Amino acid sequence: MLLENTCIYIQDLSDHFNLLPNNLPGRVATLIKDPDEITWGIAYQIDSDCIEKVISYLNFREKCGYTTDNVTFYPANGSKNLENVLIYIATEDNEEFLGPAPLREEAIQIVNTSGPSGKNSEYLLRLAEAMRKMGITDRYLFDLELQITELMAQS
């Protein structure tokens, strides 16, 4: 899938990934609007009898700086584009938005955080694995993955 005018960025998600009891916020990849970028990923079609339940769950999970948007989905296989696909997207002016940091600093924060949504490192490692399976190369993500695996091997 291709989403135009978005890119992946880093956001603090204190509700998802916290090192308890220290409340150290985690870092997650998130979408932000960027007219010069595209984002690759996967879209899911939800059965009509499950939509309300799924949206309710996502609205709870994707809080802290997220808003929703409807976008056009461009399948990588060239099949028909889908209009009005719901995404959760961050805004740079929300209080959870961290912005850039040195890669090593981001990796240390990711390795040292976990919480109700699981280990922050597992989230990132699975994201990198999924991108590889789709044949997508994301240097930033893969460099961060390398830093994280090196830190995990040291502990």
N, C-alpha and C. Protein backbone atom coordinates (compact mmCIF):
# COMPACT_ATOMS: atom_id res chain seq x y z
N MET A 1 0.84 -1.17 0.00
CA MET A 1 0.00 0.00 0.00
C MET A 1 0.88 1.23 0.00
N LEU A 2 0.41 2.24 -0.63
CA LEU A 2 1.10 3.51 -0.69
C LEU A 2 0.16 4.60 -0.21
N LEU A 3 0.62 5.42 0.71
CA LEU A 3 -0.13 6.60 1.14
C LEU A 3 0.68 7.82 0.74
N GLU A 4 0.11 8.65 -0.11
CA GLU A 4 0.79 9.87 -0.49
C GLU A 4 0.67 10.90 0.63
N ASN A 5 1.62 11.82 0.67
CA ASN A 5 1.60 12.96 1.58
C ASN A 5 1.67 12.58 3.05
N THR A 6 2.29 11.45 3.36
CA THR A 6 2.53 11.06 4.74
C THR A 6 3.95 10.53 4.86
N CYS A 7 4.47 10.57 6.07
CA CYS A 7 5.75 9.92 6.33
C CYS A 7 5.72 9.39 7.75
N ILE A 8 6.61 8.47 8.04
CA ILE A 8 6.69 7.91 9.39
C ILE A 8 7.61 8.79 10.22
N TYR A 9 7.17 9.12 11.41
CA TYR A 9 7.96 9.93 12.33
C TYR A 9 7.86 9.32 13.72
N ILE A 10 8.55 9.89 14.67
CA ILE A 10 8.60 9.32 16.01
C ILE A 10 7.77 10.17 16.97
N GLN A 11 7.05 9.49 17.82
CA GLN A 11 6.19 10.15 18.79
C GLN A 11 6.32 9.47 20.14
N ASP A 12 6.21 10.24 21.20
CA ASP A 12 6.20 9.74 22.58
C ASP A 12 4.79 9.22 22.84
N LEU A 13 4.67 8.00 23.30
CA LEU A 13 3.34 7.49 23.62
C LEU A 13 3.34 6.98 25.04
N SER A 14 3.09 7.87 25.95
CA SER A 14 3.12 7.50 27.36
C SER A 14 2.00 6.56 27.73
N ASP A 15 0.94 6.48 26.92
CA ASP A 15 -0.15 5.56 27.25
C ASP A 15 0.11 4.16 26.73
N HIS A 16 1.01 3.98 25.77
CA HIS A 16 1.27 2.67 25.19
C HIS A 16 2.51 1.99 25.77
N PHE A 17 3.60 2.72 25.83
CA PHE A 17 4.86 2.11 26.21
C PHE A 17 5.51 2.92 27.33
N ASN A 18 5.42 2.43 28.54
CA ASN A 18 6.03 3.09 29.68
C ASN A 18 6.89 2.08 30.42
N LEU A 19 8.01 2.54 30.91
CA LEU A 19 8.81 1.71 31.80
C LEU A 19 8.23 1.92 33.19
N LEU A 20 7.42 1.01 33.62
CA LEU A 20 6.76 1.15 34.91
C LEU A 20 7.71 0.67 36.01
N PRO A 21 7.82 1.31 37.15
CA PRO A 21 7.01 2.44 37.62
C PRO A 21 7.62 3.80 37.29
N ASN A 22 8.66 3.87 36.46
CA ASN A 22 9.35 5.13 36.19
C ASN A 22 8.60 6.04 35.22
N ASN A 23 7.62 5.53 34.54
CA ASN A 23 6.84 6.31 33.58
C ASN A 23 7.69 6.97 32.49
N LEU A 24 8.73 6.29 32.06
CA LEU A 24 9.54 6.76 30.94
C LEU A 24 8.74 6.55 29.66
N PRO A 25 8.48 7.60 28.91
CA PRO A 25 7.67 7.42 27.69
C PRO A 25 8.41 6.61 26.65
N GLY A 26 7.65 5.83 25.89
CA GLY A 26 8.22 5.07 24.79
C GLY A 26 8.26 5.91 23.53
N ARG A 27 8.85 5.35 22.49
CA ARG A 27 8.87 5.99 21.18
C ARG A 27 8.25 5.02 20.21
N VAL A 28 7.36 5.51 19.37
CA VAL A 28 6.78 4.68 18.34
C VAL A 28 6.82 5.40 17.01
N ALA A 29 6.83 4.62 15.94
CA ALA A 29 6.71 5.19 14.61
C ALA A 29 5.25 5.59 14.40
N THR A 30 5.04 6.73 13.84
CA THR A 30 3.69 7.22 13.61
C THR A 30 3.64 7.94 12.28
N LEU A 31 2.47 8.11 11.74
CA LEU A 31 2.30 8.85 10.50
C LEU A 31 2.09 10.32 10.80
N ILE A 32 2.74 11.16 10.00
CA ILE A 32 2.44 12.59 10.00
C ILE A 32 2.24 13.02 8.55
N LYS A 33 1.55 14.12 8.34
CA LYS A 33 1.36 14.62 6.98
C LYS A 33 2.64 15.26 6.49
N ASP A 34 3.00 14.94 5.27
CA ASP A 34 4.15 15.53 4.61
C ASP A 34 3.89 15.47 3.11
N PRO A 35 3.70 16.62 2.45
CA PRO A 35 3.32 16.62 1.04
C PRO A 35 4.38 16.04 0.11
N ASP A 36 5.62 15.89 0.59
CA ASP A 36 6.69 15.39 -0.26
C ASP A 36 7.03 13.92 -0.03
N GLU A 37 6.26 13.23 0.81
CA GLU A 37 6.60 11.87 1.19
C GLU A 37 5.47 10.89 0.88
N ILE A 38 5.82 9.60 0.92
CA ILE A 38 4.85 8.52 0.82
C ILE A 38 5.12 7.52 1.94
N THR A 39 4.12 6.72 2.29
CA THR A 39 4.27 5.70 3.31
C THR A 39 3.76 4.38 2.75
N TRP A 40 4.53 3.33 2.97
CA TRP A 40 4.13 1.99 2.59
C TRP A 40 3.60 1.26 3.81
N GLY A 41 2.63 0.39 3.62
CA GLY A 41 2.10 -0.37 4.74
C GLY A 41 1.02 -1.32 4.27
N ILE A 42 0.18 -1.73 5.19
CA ILE A 42 -0.89 -2.69 4.94
C ILE A 42 -2.20 -2.08 5.38
N ALA A 43 -3.24 -2.34 4.60
CA ALA A 43 -4.59 -1.91 4.99
C ALA A 43 -5.43 -3.16 5.21
N TYR A 44 -6.38 -3.05 6.11
CA TYR A 44 -7.26 -4.17 6.43
C TYR A 44 -8.71 -3.79 6.17
N GLN A 45 -9.45 -4.70 5.57
CA GLN A 45 -10.88 -4.51 5.40
C GLN A 45 -11.58 -5.17 6.59
N ILE A 46 -12.44 -4.42 7.23
CA ILE A 46 -13.12 -4.90 8.43
C ILE A 46 -14.54 -5.33 8.06
N ASP A 47 -14.95 -6.51 8.53
CA ASP A 47 -16.32 -6.97 8.30
C ASP A 47 -17.30 -5.95 8.85
N SER A 48 -18.38 -5.73 8.14
CA SER A 48 -19.34 -4.70 8.53
C SER A 48 -19.91 -4.93 9.93
N ASP A 49 -20.05 -6.18 10.36
CA ASP A 49 -20.60 -6.43 11.69
C ASP A 49 -19.59 -6.19 12.81
N CYS A 50 -18.33 -5.93 12.46
CA CYS A 50 -17.28 -5.69 13.46
C CYS A 50 -16.78 -4.24 13.47
N ILE A 51 -17.24 -3.43 12.56
CA ILE A 51 -16.69 -2.07 12.41
C ILE A 51 -16.78 -1.27 13.71
N GLU A 52 -17.94 -1.25 14.33
CA GLU A 52 -18.12 -0.44 15.54
C GLU A 52 -17.15 -0.87 16.65
N LYS A 53 -17.01 -2.17 16.84
CA LYS A 53 -16.12 -2.70 17.88
C LYS A 53 -14.65 -2.36 17.57
N VAL A 54 -14.25 -2.54 16.32
CA VAL A 54 -12.87 -2.29 15.92
C VAL A 54 -12.54 -0.79 16.04
N ILE A 55 -13.43 0.06 15.56
CA ILE A 55 -13.19 1.51 15.63
C ILE A 55 -13.13 1.96 17.09
N SER A 56 -13.99 1.42 17.93
CA SER A 56 -13.96 1.75 19.35
C SER A 56 -12.61 1.37 19.97
N TYR A 57 -12.12 0.18 19.65
CA TYR A 57 -10.83 -0.28 20.15
C TYR A 57 -9.71 0.63 19.65
N LEU A 58 -9.71 0.94 18.35
CA LEU A 58 -8.66 1.79 17.80
C LEU A 58 -8.71 3.20 18.36
N ASN A 59 -9.91 3.73 18.56
CA ASN A 59 -10.03 5.07 19.14
C ASN A 59 -9.46 5.12 20.55
N PHE A 60 -9.59 4.02 21.29
CA PHE A 60 -9.00 3.96 22.63
C PHE A 60 -7.48 3.83 22.53
N ARG A 61 -7.02 2.94 21.67
CA ARG A 61 -5.58 2.66 21.55
C ARG A 61 -4.82 3.83 20.94
N GLU A 62 -5.36 4.43 19.92
CA GLU A 62 -4.66 5.48 19.18
C GLU A 62 -5.03 6.87 19.69
N LYS A 63 -4.83 7.07 20.96
CA LYS A 63 -5.08 8.38 21.56
C LYS A 63 -3.74 9.08 21.76
N CYS A 64 -3.72 10.12 22.50
CA CYS A 64 -2.49 10.86 22.79
C CYS A 64 -1.86 11.44 21.52
N GLY A 65 -2.54 12.34 20.90
CA GLY A 65 -1.95 13.06 19.78
C GLY A 65 -2.35 12.57 18.40
N TYR A 66 -3.22 11.60 18.33
CA TYR A 66 -3.66 11.11 17.03
C TYR A 66 -5.00 11.71 16.64
N THR A 67 -5.18 11.84 15.36
CA THR A 67 -6.46 12.21 14.78
C THR A 67 -6.70 11.23 13.63
N THR A 68 -7.89 11.19 13.11
CA THR A 68 -8.16 10.30 11.98
C THR A 68 -8.23 11.11 10.70
N ASP A 69 -7.98 10.42 9.61
CA ASP A 69 -8.08 11.02 8.28
C ASP A 69 -8.54 9.92 7.33
N ASN A 70 -9.20 10.30 6.28
CA ASN A 70 -9.58 9.37 5.22
C ASN A 70 -8.70 9.66 4.02
N VAL A 71 -8.04 8.62 3.52
CA VAL A 71 -7.06 8.77 2.45
C VAL A 71 -7.36 7.78 1.32
N THR A 72 -6.65 7.96 0.22
CA THR A 72 -6.72 7.01 -0.88
C THR A 72 -5.65 5.94 -0.67
N PHE A 73 -6.05 4.71 -0.84
CA PHE A 73 -5.17 3.54 -0.70
C PHE A 73 -4.76 3.11 -2.11
N TYR A 74 -3.45 3.00 -2.35
CA TYR A 74 -2.91 2.60 -3.65
C TYR A 74 -2.26 1.23 -3.50
N PRO A 75 -2.96 0.16 -3.88
CA PRO A 75 -2.38 -1.19 -3.73
C PRO A 75 -1.10 -1.36 -4.55
N ALA A 76 -0.12 -1.98 -3.96
CA ALA A 76 1.17 -2.19 -4.62
C ALA A 76 1.04 -3.08 -5.85
N ASN A 77 0.02 -3.94 -5.87
CA ASN A 77 -0.14 -4.85 -7.00
C ASN A 77 -0.84 -4.20 -8.19
N GLY A 78 -1.15 -2.90 -8.08
CA GLY A 78 -1.76 -2.18 -9.19
C GLY A 78 -3.26 -2.34 -9.31
N SER A 79 -3.90 -3.07 -8.39
CA SER A 79 -5.35 -3.20 -8.46
C SER A 79 -6.01 -1.85 -8.14
N LYS A 80 -7.32 -1.81 -8.19
CA LYS A 80 -8.08 -0.57 -8.06
C LYS A 80 -7.79 0.16 -6.74
N ASN A 81 -7.57 1.46 -6.84
CA ASN A 81 -7.38 2.29 -5.64
C ASN A 81 -8.66 2.31 -4.83
N LEU A 82 -8.52 2.41 -3.52
CA LEU A 82 -9.67 2.50 -2.63
C LEU A 82 -9.71 3.89 -2.01
N GLU A 83 -10.87 4.51 -2.04
CA GLU A 83 -11.04 5.84 -1.47
C GLU A 83 -11.53 5.73 -0.03
N ASN A 84 -11.29 6.77 0.74
CA ASN A 84 -11.80 6.90 2.11
C ASN A 84 -11.35 5.78 3.05
N VAL A 85 -10.07 5.44 2.99
CA VAL A 85 -9.50 4.47 3.91
C VAL A 85 -9.10 5.23 5.18
N LEU A 86 -9.57 4.74 6.32
CA LEU A 86 -9.33 5.39 7.60
C LEU A 86 -7.91 5.13 8.09
N ILE A 87 -7.20 6.21 8.45
CA ILE A 87 -5.89 6.08 9.08
C ILE A 87 -5.88 6.93 10.34
N TYR A 88 -4.98 6.59 11.25
CA TYR A 88 -4.72 7.39 12.44
C TYR A 88 -3.40 8.10 12.19
N ILE A 89 -3.41 9.41 12.35
CA ILE A 89 -2.24 10.21 12.00
C ILE A 89 -1.95 11.19 13.13
N ALA A 90 -0.67 11.44 13.37
CA ALA A 90 -0.27 12.36 14.43
C ALA A 90 -0.17 13.78 13.88
N THR A 91 -0.27 14.72 14.78
CA THR A 91 -0.02 16.11 14.42
C THR A 91 1.23 16.56 15.17
N GLU A 92 2.06 17.32 14.50
CA GLU A 92 3.32 17.74 15.10
C GLU A 92 3.13 18.69 16.27
N ASP A 93 1.95 19.28 16.41
CA ASP A 93 1.72 20.21 17.50
C ASP A 93 1.13 19.55 18.74
N ASN A 94 0.98 18.22 18.73
CA ASN A 94 0.44 17.56 19.92
C ASN A 94 1.53 17.39 20.97
N GLU A 95 1.14 17.34 22.23
CA GLU A 95 2.11 17.31 23.33
C GLU A 95 2.93 16.03 23.39
N GLU A 96 2.50 14.98 22.70
CA GLU A 96 3.23 13.71 22.70
C GLU A 96 4.30 13.65 21.59
N PHE A 97 4.27 14.60 20.65
CA PHE A 97 5.19 14.56 19.51
C PHE A 97 6.60 14.91 19.95
N LEU A 98 7.56 14.03 19.69
CA LEU A 98 8.93 14.23 20.14
C LEU A 98 9.82 14.90 19.10
N GLY A 99 9.62 14.60 17.84
CA GLY A 99 10.53 15.12 16.83
C GLY A 99 11.81 14.32 16.80
N PRO A 100 12.77 14.77 16.00
CA PRO A 100 14.00 13.98 15.83
C PRO A 100 14.90 14.02 17.06
N ALA A 101 15.68 12.95 17.18
CA ALA A 101 16.71 12.84 18.21
C ALA A 101 17.83 12.00 17.60
N PRO A 102 19.02 12.03 18.19
CA PRO A 102 20.08 11.15 17.68
C PRO A 102 19.61 9.69 17.71
N LEU A 103 19.98 8.95 16.69
CA LEU A 103 19.52 7.57 16.53
C LEU A 103 19.82 6.72 17.76
N ARG A 104 21.00 6.85 18.32
CA ARG A 104 21.38 6.04 19.49
C ARG A 104 20.48 6.38 20.68
N GLU A 105 20.16 7.65 20.86
CA GLU A 105 19.27 8.08 21.94
C GLU A 105 17.88 7.47 21.76
N GLU A 106 17.38 7.47 20.53
CA GLU A 106 16.08 6.86 20.26
C GLU A 106 16.12 5.36 20.56
N ALA A 107 17.20 4.70 20.15
CA ALA A 107 17.33 3.26 20.37
C ALA A 107 17.35 2.92 21.85
N ILE A 108 18.09 3.70 22.63
CA ILE A 108 18.16 3.46 24.08
C ILE A 108 16.78 3.61 24.71
N GLN A 109 16.06 4.62 24.32
CA GLN A 109 14.72 4.84 24.87
C GLN A 109 13.79 3.69 24.48
N ILE A 110 13.88 3.24 23.25
CA ILE A 110 13.03 2.15 22.78
C ILE A 110 13.34 0.85 23.53
N VAL A 111 14.61 0.54 23.71
CA VAL A 111 15.01 -0.70 24.38
C VAL A 111 14.57 -0.72 25.84
N ASN A 112 14.51 0.44 26.46
CA ASN A 112 14.23 0.52 27.90
C ASN A 112 12.78 0.80 28.24
N THR A 113 11.86 0.62 27.31
CA THR A 113 10.45 0.92 27.59
C THR A 113 9.55 -0.25 27.24
N SER A 114 8.55 -0.42 28.10
CA SER A 114 7.50 -1.40 27.86
C SER A 114 6.30 -0.97 28.68
N GLY A 115 5.17 -1.56 28.40
CA GLY A 115 3.97 -1.20 29.14
C GLY A 115 2.78 -2.00 28.69
N PRO A 116 1.58 -1.46 28.83
CA PRO A 116 0.36 -2.20 28.51
C PRO A 116 0.30 -2.73 27.07
N SER A 117 0.97 -2.05 26.15
CA SER A 117 0.96 -2.50 24.76
C SER A 117 2.14 -3.40 24.42
N GLY A 118 2.97 -3.70 25.39
CA GLY A 118 4.10 -4.60 25.16
C GLY A 118 5.43 -3.87 25.17
N LYS A 119 6.45 -4.57 24.72
CA LYS A 119 7.80 -4.01 24.66
C LYS A 119 7.91 -3.09 23.45
N ASN A 120 8.44 -1.90 23.67
CA ASN A 120 8.62 -0.94 22.60
C ASN A 120 9.57 -1.51 21.54
N SER A 121 10.60 -2.25 21.98
CA SER A 121 11.55 -2.84 21.04
C SER A 121 10.87 -3.88 20.15
N GLU A 122 9.96 -4.66 20.71
CA GLU A 122 9.26 -5.67 19.91
C GLU A 122 8.42 -5.00 18.82
N TYR A 123 7.77 -3.89 19.17
CA TYR A 123 6.99 -3.13 18.20
C TYR A 123 7.87 -2.72 17.02
N LEU A 124 9.02 -2.14 17.31
CA LEU A 124 9.89 -1.67 16.24
C LEU A 124 10.48 -2.82 15.44
N LEU A 125 10.91 -3.89 16.10
CA LEU A 125 11.49 -5.02 15.39
C LEU A 125 10.46 -5.69 14.47
N ARG A 126 9.22 -5.78 14.92
CA ARG A 126 8.17 -6.36 14.07
C ARG A 126 7.83 -5.45 12.90
N LEU A 127 7.88 -4.15 13.12
CA LEU A 127 7.66 -3.21 12.02
C LEU A 127 8.73 -3.37 10.95
N ALA A 128 9.98 -3.46 11.36
CA ALA A 128 11.08 -3.65 10.41
C ALA A 128 10.93 -4.97 9.66
N GLU A 129 10.54 -6.01 10.37
CA GLU A 129 10.33 -7.32 9.74
C GLU A 129 9.21 -7.25 8.70
N ALA A 130 8.13 -6.58 9.04
CA ALA A 130 7.00 -6.45 8.12
C ALA A 130 7.40 -5.68 6.86
N MET A 131 8.19 -4.63 7.03
CA MET A 131 8.64 -3.86 5.86
C MET A 131 9.49 -4.72 4.94
N ARG A 132 10.37 -5.53 5.51
CA ARG A 132 11.20 -6.42 4.69
C ARG A 132 10.34 -7.42 3.93
N LYS A 133 9.34 -7.97 4.60
CA LYS A 133 8.47 -8.95 3.95
C LYS A 133 7.72 -8.34 2.76
N MET A 134 7.44 -7.04 2.85
CA MET A 134 6.76 -6.35 1.75
C MET A 134 7.75 -5.86 0.69
N GLY A 135 9.05 -6.09 0.92
CA GLY A 135 10.06 -5.66 -0.04
C GLY A 135 10.36 -4.18 0.02
N ILE A 136 10.11 -3.56 1.16
CA ILE A 136 10.31 -2.12 1.32
C ILE A 136 11.60 -1.87 2.10
N THR A 137 12.42 -0.96 1.60
CA THR A 137 13.64 -0.57 2.27
C THR A 137 13.43 0.79 2.89
N ASP A 138 13.62 0.86 4.19
CA ASP A 138 13.51 2.11 4.93
C ASP A 138 14.78 2.24 5.75
N ARG A 139 15.74 3.03 5.26
CA ARG A 139 17.05 3.14 5.90
C ARG A 139 16.95 3.59 7.35
N TYR A 140 16.15 4.57 7.64
CA TYR A 140 16.01 5.06 9.01
C TYR A 140 15.54 3.93 9.93
N LEU A 141 14.48 3.24 9.53
CA LEU A 141 13.93 2.15 10.33
C LEU A 141 14.95 1.04 10.51
N PHE A 142 15.63 0.66 9.44
CA PHE A 142 16.59 -0.44 9.52
C PHE A 142 17.84 -0.05 10.31
N ASP A 143 18.26 1.21 10.23
CA ASP A 143 19.39 1.66 11.06
C ASP A 143 19.01 1.65 12.54
N LEU A 144 17.79 2.07 12.83
CA LEU A 144 17.30 2.04 14.21
C LEU A 144 17.19 0.61 14.71
N GLU A 145 16.71 -0.28 13.86
CA GLU A 145 16.62 -1.70 14.21
C GLU A 145 18.01 -2.25 14.57
N LEU A 146 19.01 -1.91 13.79
CA LEU A 146 20.37 -2.37 14.06
C LEU A 146 20.86 -1.87 15.41
N GLN A 147 20.64 -0.60 15.70
CA GLN A 147 21.03 -0.04 17.00
C GLN A 147 20.34 -0.79 18.14
N ILE A 148 19.07 -1.08 17.97
CA ILE A 148 18.29 -1.76 19.01
C ILE A 148 18.78 -3.19 19.22
N THR A 149 19.03 -3.91 18.14
CA THR A 149 19.51 -5.29 18.30
C THR A 149 20.89 -5.31 18.95
N GLU A 150 21.74 -4.34 18.64
CA GLU A 150 23.05 -4.25 19.28
C GLU A 150 22.91 -3.98 20.79
N LEU A 151 22.03 -3.06 21.14
CA LEU A 151 21.81 -2.75 22.56
C LEU A 151 21.22 -3.96 23.30
N MET A 152 20.30 -4.66 22.68
CA MET A 152 19.69 -5.83 23.31
C MET A 152 20.71 -6.94 23.51
N ALA A 153 21.65 -7.09 22.56
CA ALA A 153 22.69 -8.12 22.69
C ALA A 153 23.65 -7.80 23.84
N GLN A 154 23.82 -6.53 24.16
CA GLN A 154 24.71 -6.12 25.24
C GLN A 154 24.13 -6.34 26.62
N SER A 155 22.81 -6.44 26.71
CA SER A 155 22.19 -6.56 28.04
C SER A 155 21.91 -7.98 28.44
